[in-house]
N, C-alpha and C. Protein backbone atom coordinates (compact mmCIF):
# COMPACT_ATOMS: atom_id res chain seq x y z
N MET A 1 -39.18 -37.21 29.04
CA MET A 1 -39.61 -35.96 27.76
C MET A 1 -39.78 -34.31 28.09
N LYS A 2 -39.62 -34.63 29.66
CA LYS A 2 -38.81 -32.93 29.50
C LYS A 2 -37.03 -33.03 28.94
N LYS A 3 -36.45 -33.80 29.13
CA LYS A 3 -34.92 -33.79 28.92
C LYS A 3 -34.68 -34.24 27.32
N GLY A 4 -35.34 -34.44 27.30
CA GLY A 4 -35.78 -33.71 25.08
C GLY A 4 -35.69 -32.80 25.30
N VAL A 5 -36.68 -31.94 25.73
CA VAL A 5 -37.23 -30.80 25.47
C VAL A 5 -35.60 -29.89 26.10
N VAL A 6 -35.13 -30.61 27.06
CA VAL A 6 -33.63 -29.71 27.85
C VAL A 6 -33.01 -29.75 26.64
N LEU A 7 -32.85 -31.24 25.87
CA LEU A 7 -31.56 -31.30 24.47
C LEU A 7 -31.96 -30.69 23.11
N VAL A 8 -33.33 -30.25 22.94
CA VAL A 8 -33.09 -29.12 21.91
C VAL A 8 -33.18 -28.56 21.79
N ILE A 9 -33.78 -27.30 23.26
CA ILE A 9 -32.81 -26.05 23.52
C ILE A 9 -31.72 -25.60 23.97
N VAL A 10 -30.87 -26.52 24.58
CA VAL A 10 -29.18 -25.97 24.62
C VAL A 10 -28.77 -26.51 23.55
N ILE A 11 -29.42 -27.36 22.68
CA ILE A 11 -28.40 -27.50 20.86
C ILE A 11 -28.83 -26.85 20.13
N GLY A 12 -30.15 -25.49 20.49
CA GLY A 12 -30.69 -24.37 19.59
C GLY A 12 -30.04 -23.83 20.15
N ILE A 13 -29.16 -23.37 21.93
CA ILE A 13 -29.24 -22.45 21.79
C ILE A 13 -27.96 -22.47 21.40
N PHE A 14 -26.87 -23.47 21.68
CA PHE A 14 -25.51 -23.73 21.24
C PHE A 14 -25.20 -23.21 19.67
N LEU A 15 -26.45 -23.75 18.78
CA LEU A 15 -26.50 -23.35 17.50
C LEU A 15 -26.20 -21.68 17.31
N VAL A 16 -27.06 -21.20 18.02
CA VAL A 16 -26.66 -20.03 17.57
C VAL A 16 -25.86 -18.92 18.31
N VAL A 17 -25.47 -19.76 19.30
CA VAL A 17 -24.22 -18.71 20.34
C VAL A 17 -22.52 -19.25 18.80
N ALA A 18 -22.64 -20.26 18.32
CA ALA A 18 -22.42 -21.07 17.31
C ALA A 18 -21.69 -19.79 15.73
N THR A 19 -23.27 -19.79 15.14
CA THR A 19 -23.02 -18.82 14.90
C THR A 19 -22.96 -17.47 14.96
N LEU A 20 -23.28 -16.89 15.98
CA LEU A 20 -23.19 -15.99 16.34
C LEU A 20 -22.06 -15.24 17.02
N SER A 21 -21.33 -16.72 17.35
CA SER A 21 -18.92 -15.81 16.88
C SER A 21 -18.75 -16.55 15.91
N MET A 22 -18.69 -17.52 14.33
CA MET A 22 -18.34 -17.37 13.50
C MET A 22 -18.89 -16.28 13.01
N ALA A 23 -19.55 -15.21 12.62
CA ALA A 23 -19.54 -14.19 12.23
C ALA A 23 -19.00 -12.61 12.76
N SER A 24 -18.32 -12.87 13.79
CA SER A 24 -18.23 -12.04 15.08
C SER A 24 -16.66 -12.16 14.68
N LEU A 25 -15.97 -13.47 13.74
CA LEU A 25 -14.31 -14.10 13.61
C LEU A 25 -14.80 -12.96 12.68
N TYR A 26 -15.67 -13.58 11.29
CA TYR A 26 -15.35 -12.79 10.05
C TYR A 26 -15.13 -11.97 9.61
N LEU A 27 -16.01 -10.89 10.67
CA LEU A 27 -15.84 -9.90 10.88
C LEU A 27 -14.92 -8.65 11.25
N MET A 28 -14.47 -9.70 11.97
CA MET A 28 -12.75 -9.55 12.55
C MET A 28 -11.55 -9.52 11.29
N THR A 29 -12.06 -10.61 11.16
CA THR A 29 -10.75 -11.02 10.21
C THR A 29 -10.93 -9.62 9.02
N GLN A 30 -11.69 -9.81 8.41
CA GLN A 30 -11.77 -8.37 7.70
C GLN A 30 -11.54 -7.40 7.40
N GLN A 31 -11.61 -6.72 8.71
CA GLN A 31 -10.85 -5.74 9.39
C GLN A 31 -10.04 -5.63 9.25
N ALA A 32 -9.70 -7.15 10.10
CA ALA A 32 -7.92 -7.07 10.09
C ALA A 32 -7.74 -6.02 9.36
N ARG A 33 -7.76 -7.56 7.77
CA ARG A 33 -7.36 -7.87 6.00
C ARG A 33 -7.62 -5.82 5.46
N ILE A 34 -9.13 -5.50 6.20
CA ILE A 34 -8.96 -3.76 5.45
C ILE A 34 -8.22 -3.08 6.57
N ASN A 35 -7.93 -2.75 7.38
CA ASN A 35 -6.43 -2.01 8.31
C ASN A 35 -5.57 -2.59 7.80
N GLU A 36 -4.91 -4.12 8.47
CA GLU A 36 -3.41 -3.70 7.02
C GLU A 36 -3.69 -2.66 5.57
N HIS A 37 -4.77 -3.14 4.38
CA HIS A 37 -4.48 -3.22 3.14
C HIS A 37 -4.35 -1.28 3.83
N LYS A 38 -5.37 -0.60 4.63
CA LYS A 38 -5.17 0.31 5.22
C LYS A 38 -3.57 1.18 4.61
N ILE A 39 -2.71 0.58 5.91
CA ILE A 39 -1.85 0.68 6.97
C ILE A 39 -0.52 0.78 5.88
N LYS A 40 -0.13 0.20 4.87
CA LYS A 40 0.87 -0.14 2.86
C LYS A 40 -0.10 0.86 2.78
N ARG A 41 -0.80 0.85 2.13
CA ARG A 41 -1.31 2.28 1.55
C ARG A 41 -0.92 3.69 1.67
N MET A 42 -0.47 3.79 3.06
CA MET A 42 -0.24 5.15 4.31
C MET A 42 1.15 4.73 3.62
N LYS A 43 1.90 3.66 4.30
CA LYS A 43 3.64 3.71 4.13
C LYS A 43 3.86 3.37 2.81
N ALA A 44 2.93 3.58 0.91
CA ALA A 44 3.13 3.32 -0.33
C ALA A 44 3.65 4.81 -0.56
N ARG A 45 1.89 5.24 0.31
CA ARG A 45 2.38 7.08 0.12
C ARG A 45 3.90 8.06 0.60
N SER A 46 3.45 7.49 1.68
CA SER A 46 5.16 7.56 1.95
C SER A 46 6.13 7.76 1.65
N VAL A 47 6.58 6.41 1.08
CA VAL A 47 7.36 5.56 0.15
C VAL A 47 7.40 7.06 -1.37
N ALA A 48 5.89 7.21 -1.87
CA ALA A 48 6.16 8.38 -3.70
C ALA A 48 6.67 8.91 -2.75
N GLN A 49 5.62 10.26 -2.24
CA GLN A 49 6.37 11.41 -1.00
C GLN A 49 8.01 10.98 -0.90
N ALA A 50 8.44 10.46 0.22
CA ALA A 50 9.73 10.38 0.07
C ALA A 50 10.68 10.58 -1.03
N ALA A 51 10.05 9.63 -2.45
CA ALA A 51 10.48 9.75 -3.40
C ALA A 51 10.58 10.72 -3.98
N MET A 52 10.29 11.68 -3.86
CA MET A 52 9.50 12.64 -5.90
C MET A 52 10.58 14.07 -4.45
N VAL A 53 10.36 13.67 -3.39
CA VAL A 53 11.95 15.05 -3.01
C VAL A 53 12.78 14.33 -2.77
N LYS A 54 13.48 12.94 -3.34
CA LYS A 54 14.57 12.57 -3.88
C LYS A 54 15.26 13.31 -4.55
N ILE A 55 14.92 12.69 -5.66
CA ILE A 55 13.93 12.70 -6.82
C ILE A 55 14.13 14.41 -7.27
N TYR A 56 13.58 15.06 -6.92
CA TYR A 56 13.35 17.00 -6.76
C TYR A 56 14.93 17.65 -6.92
N ALA A 57 15.37 16.85 -5.39
CA ALA A 57 16.82 17.25 -5.04
C ALA A 57 17.92 17.01 -5.77
N GLN A 58 18.01 15.71 -6.19
CA GLN A 58 18.67 15.41 -7.17
C GLN A 58 18.29 16.15 -8.84
N LEU A 59 17.49 16.34 -8.90
CA LEU A 59 17.38 17.20 -9.77
C LEU A 59 17.80 18.93 -10.25
N ARG A 60 17.83 19.00 -9.56
CA ARG A 60 17.80 19.89 -9.03
C ARG A 60 19.72 20.65 -8.98
N ASP A 61 20.60 19.92 -8.47
CA ASP A 61 21.41 19.28 -8.43
C ASP A 61 22.60 19.03 -9.27
N GLY A 62 21.21 17.69 -10.67
CA GLY A 62 21.80 17.85 -11.52
C GLY A 62 22.02 16.90 -11.90
N GLN A 63 21.83 15.49 -11.29
CA GLN A 63 22.27 13.85 -11.41
C GLN A 63 21.89 13.73 -12.37
N TYR A 64 20.58 14.13 -13.39
CA TYR A 64 19.91 14.11 -14.01
C TYR A 64 19.78 14.55 -15.53
N GLY A 65 21.00 14.97 -16.32
CA GLY A 65 20.85 16.01 -17.41
C GLY A 65 19.48 16.20 -18.02
N PRO A 66 19.94 16.85 -18.93
CA PRO A 66 18.89 17.38 -19.73
C PRO A 66 18.66 16.27 -21.10
N ASP A 67 18.90 15.20 -20.89
CA ASP A 67 18.41 14.15 -22.01
C ASP A 67 16.88 14.32 -22.47
N SER A 68 17.46 13.75 -23.42
CA SER A 68 16.30 13.36 -24.28
C SER A 68 14.66 12.53 -24.21
N SER A 69 16.10 11.47 -23.61
CA SER A 69 14.68 9.68 -23.78
C SER A 69 14.48 10.19 -22.16
N THR A 70 13.61 9.14 -21.62
CA THR A 70 12.67 8.94 -20.57
C THR A 70 14.03 7.85 -20.12
N GLN A 71 14.32 7.91 -18.32
CA GLN A 71 15.59 7.90 -17.86
C GLN A 71 14.40 7.01 -16.65
N THR A 72 14.69 5.77 -16.41
CA THR A 72 13.80 4.81 -15.41
C THR A 72 14.84 4.81 -13.97
N THR A 73 14.60 4.58 -12.91
CA THR A 73 15.24 4.31 -11.49
C THR A 73 14.28 3.67 -10.20
N ALA A 74 14.92 2.50 -9.92
CA ALA A 74 14.57 2.33 -8.45
C ALA A 74 15.00 3.12 -6.82
N ILE A 75 14.25 3.55 -6.49
CA ILE A 75 14.19 3.55 -5.23
C ILE A 75 14.17 2.74 -4.37
N PRO A 76 15.02 2.32 -3.82
CA PRO A 76 14.72 0.91 -2.25
C PRO A 76 14.20 1.94 -0.97
N PHE A 77 13.25 1.53 -0.74
CA PHE A 77 13.19 1.47 0.97
C PHE A 77 12.74 0.87 1.87
N ASP A 78 13.88 0.53 3.35
CA ASP A 78 13.98 0.34 3.89
C ASP A 78 12.82 0.36 5.76
N ILE A 79 11.63 0.40 5.28
CA ILE A 79 10.73 1.39 5.77
C ILE A 79 10.88 1.11 7.87
N ASP A 80 11.10 -0.36 7.58
CA ASP A 80 11.17 -0.59 9.59
C ASP A 80 12.75 -0.20 10.12
N GLY A 81 12.88 -0.90 9.21
CA GLY A 81 14.81 0.36 9.72
C GLY A 81 15.63 -1.58 10.51
N ASP A 82 14.71 -2.06 9.59
CA ASP A 82 15.31 -3.78 10.29
C ASP A 82 16.62 -4.91 8.90
N GLY A 83 16.90 -3.23 7.85
CA GLY A 83 18.30 -3.47 7.54
C GLY A 83 17.30 -4.51 5.55
N ILE A 84 15.43 -4.79 5.06
CA ILE A 84 15.27 -5.49 4.50
C ILE A 84 14.51 -4.02 3.28
N ASP A 85 15.29 -4.39 2.50
CA ASP A 85 14.02 -3.26 1.96
C ASP A 85 13.08 -3.27 1.90
N ASP A 86 11.69 -3.54 1.74
CA ASP A 86 10.31 -3.20 2.49
C ASP A 86 9.76 -2.53 0.84
N MET A 87 9.40 -1.92 0.18
CA MET A 87 9.04 -1.01 -0.78
C MET A 87 10.21 -0.20 -1.49
N THR A 88 9.67 -0.92 -2.42
CA THR A 88 10.12 1.09 -4.21
C THR A 88 9.88 1.08 -4.27
N ALA A 89 10.58 2.78 -4.82
CA ALA A 89 9.23 2.94 -6.22
C ALA A 89 10.05 3.55 -6.36
N ASN A 90 9.34 3.40 -8.13
CA ASN A 90 9.91 3.84 -9.58
C ASN A 90 9.05 4.18 -10.03
N VAL A 91 10.33 5.31 -10.35
CA VAL A 91 10.25 6.97 -11.09
C VAL A 91 10.90 6.83 -12.15
N THR A 92 10.08 7.69 -12.57
CA THR A 92 10.63 7.28 -14.54
C THR A 92 10.45 9.31 -14.39
N ILE A 93 11.48 9.69 -14.90
CA ILE A 93 11.48 10.78 -15.63
C ILE A 93 11.65 11.05 -16.80
N SER A 94 11.24 11.68 -17.95
CA SER A 94 10.91 12.18 -19.47
C SER A 94 10.93 12.72 -19.21
N PRO A 95 11.53 13.76 -21.05
CA PRO A 95 11.18 14.28 -20.93
C PRO A 95 11.62 15.67 -20.91
N ALA A 96 11.68 16.54 -21.32
CA ALA A 96 11.79 18.11 -20.50
C ALA A 96 10.41 18.13 -22.30
N GLY A 97 9.56 19.17 -21.99
CA GLY A 97 8.23 19.16 -22.71
C GLY A 97 7.68 17.88 -23.46
N SER A 98 7.76 16.34 -23.15
CA SER A 98 6.60 15.50 -23.45
C SER A 98 5.31 15.64 -22.79
N GLY A 99 4.99 15.34 -22.87
CA GLY A 99 3.06 15.23 -23.13
C GLY A 99 2.42 16.55 -22.81
N SER A 100 1.86 16.65 -21.76
CA SER A 100 1.07 18.16 -21.55
C SER A 100 1.99 18.08 -20.45
N ALA A 101 2.87 18.71 -20.10
CA ALA A 101 4.59 18.58 -19.67
C ALA A 101 4.91 20.48 -20.44
N PRO A 102 4.41 21.82 -19.27
CA PRO A 102 5.81 22.57 -20.23
C PRO A 102 6.76 22.35 -20.67
N SER A 103 7.29 23.30 -21.88
CA SER A 103 8.90 23.49 -22.31
C SER A 103 10.05 23.63 -21.30
N GLY A 104 10.54 22.70 -20.99
CA GLY A 104 11.82 22.73 -20.13
C GLY A 104 10.75 22.21 -18.72
N VAL A 105 10.45 21.68 -18.07
CA VAL A 105 9.66 21.47 -16.83
C VAL A 105 10.06 19.73 -18.20
N ARG A 106 10.24 18.92 -17.13
CA ARG A 106 10.52 16.96 -17.22
C ARG A 106 9.29 16.33 -15.94
N PRO A 107 8.54 15.70 -16.78
CA PRO A 107 7.35 15.21 -15.90
C PRO A 107 8.23 14.52 -15.48
N VAL A 108 7.61 13.95 -13.57
CA VAL A 108 8.38 12.85 -13.05
C VAL A 108 6.96 12.07 -12.58
N ASP A 109 6.87 10.57 -13.36
CA ASP A 109 6.41 9.32 -12.35
C ASP A 109 6.45 8.59 -11.23
N ILE A 110 6.25 8.69 -10.95
CA ILE A 110 6.71 7.59 -9.16
C ILE A 110 5.01 6.67 -9.05
N THR A 111 5.67 5.33 -9.40
CA THR A 111 3.99 4.34 -8.71
C THR A 111 5.16 3.18 -7.17
N VAL A 112 4.54 2.93 -6.44
CA VAL A 112 4.75 1.43 -5.45
C VAL A 112 4.04 0.94 -5.78
N ASP A 113 5.03 0.15 -5.91
CA ASP A 113 3.78 -1.75 -5.64
C ASP A 113 3.72 -2.08 -3.79
N TYR A 114 2.26 -2.19 -3.32
CA TYR A 114 2.45 -2.78 -2.60
C TYR A 114 1.65 -3.65 -2.10
């Protein structure tokens, strides 16, 4: 009789420990995914800022003339230095004065897929 009670108690403790282990494993996995997404988002923001600096410099240098058409370009970035482009900034330069932009100002739209 005592062996049966001890077995039930041991099985109950095992189930509690297994449940807690599974719950903590699930939470750690979710946190890892959240952190990975956060890091990718931060890298994408840095890529967008770098693309903005590059495009503004090119606009100042006159590489994009005063065209009346929308110009789209993709700028690849190798973030980790392994020679493989990790992210690409898609840049759209609209004609001067288009949308809500003042006359003589060319709106620039930058998107990064991550």
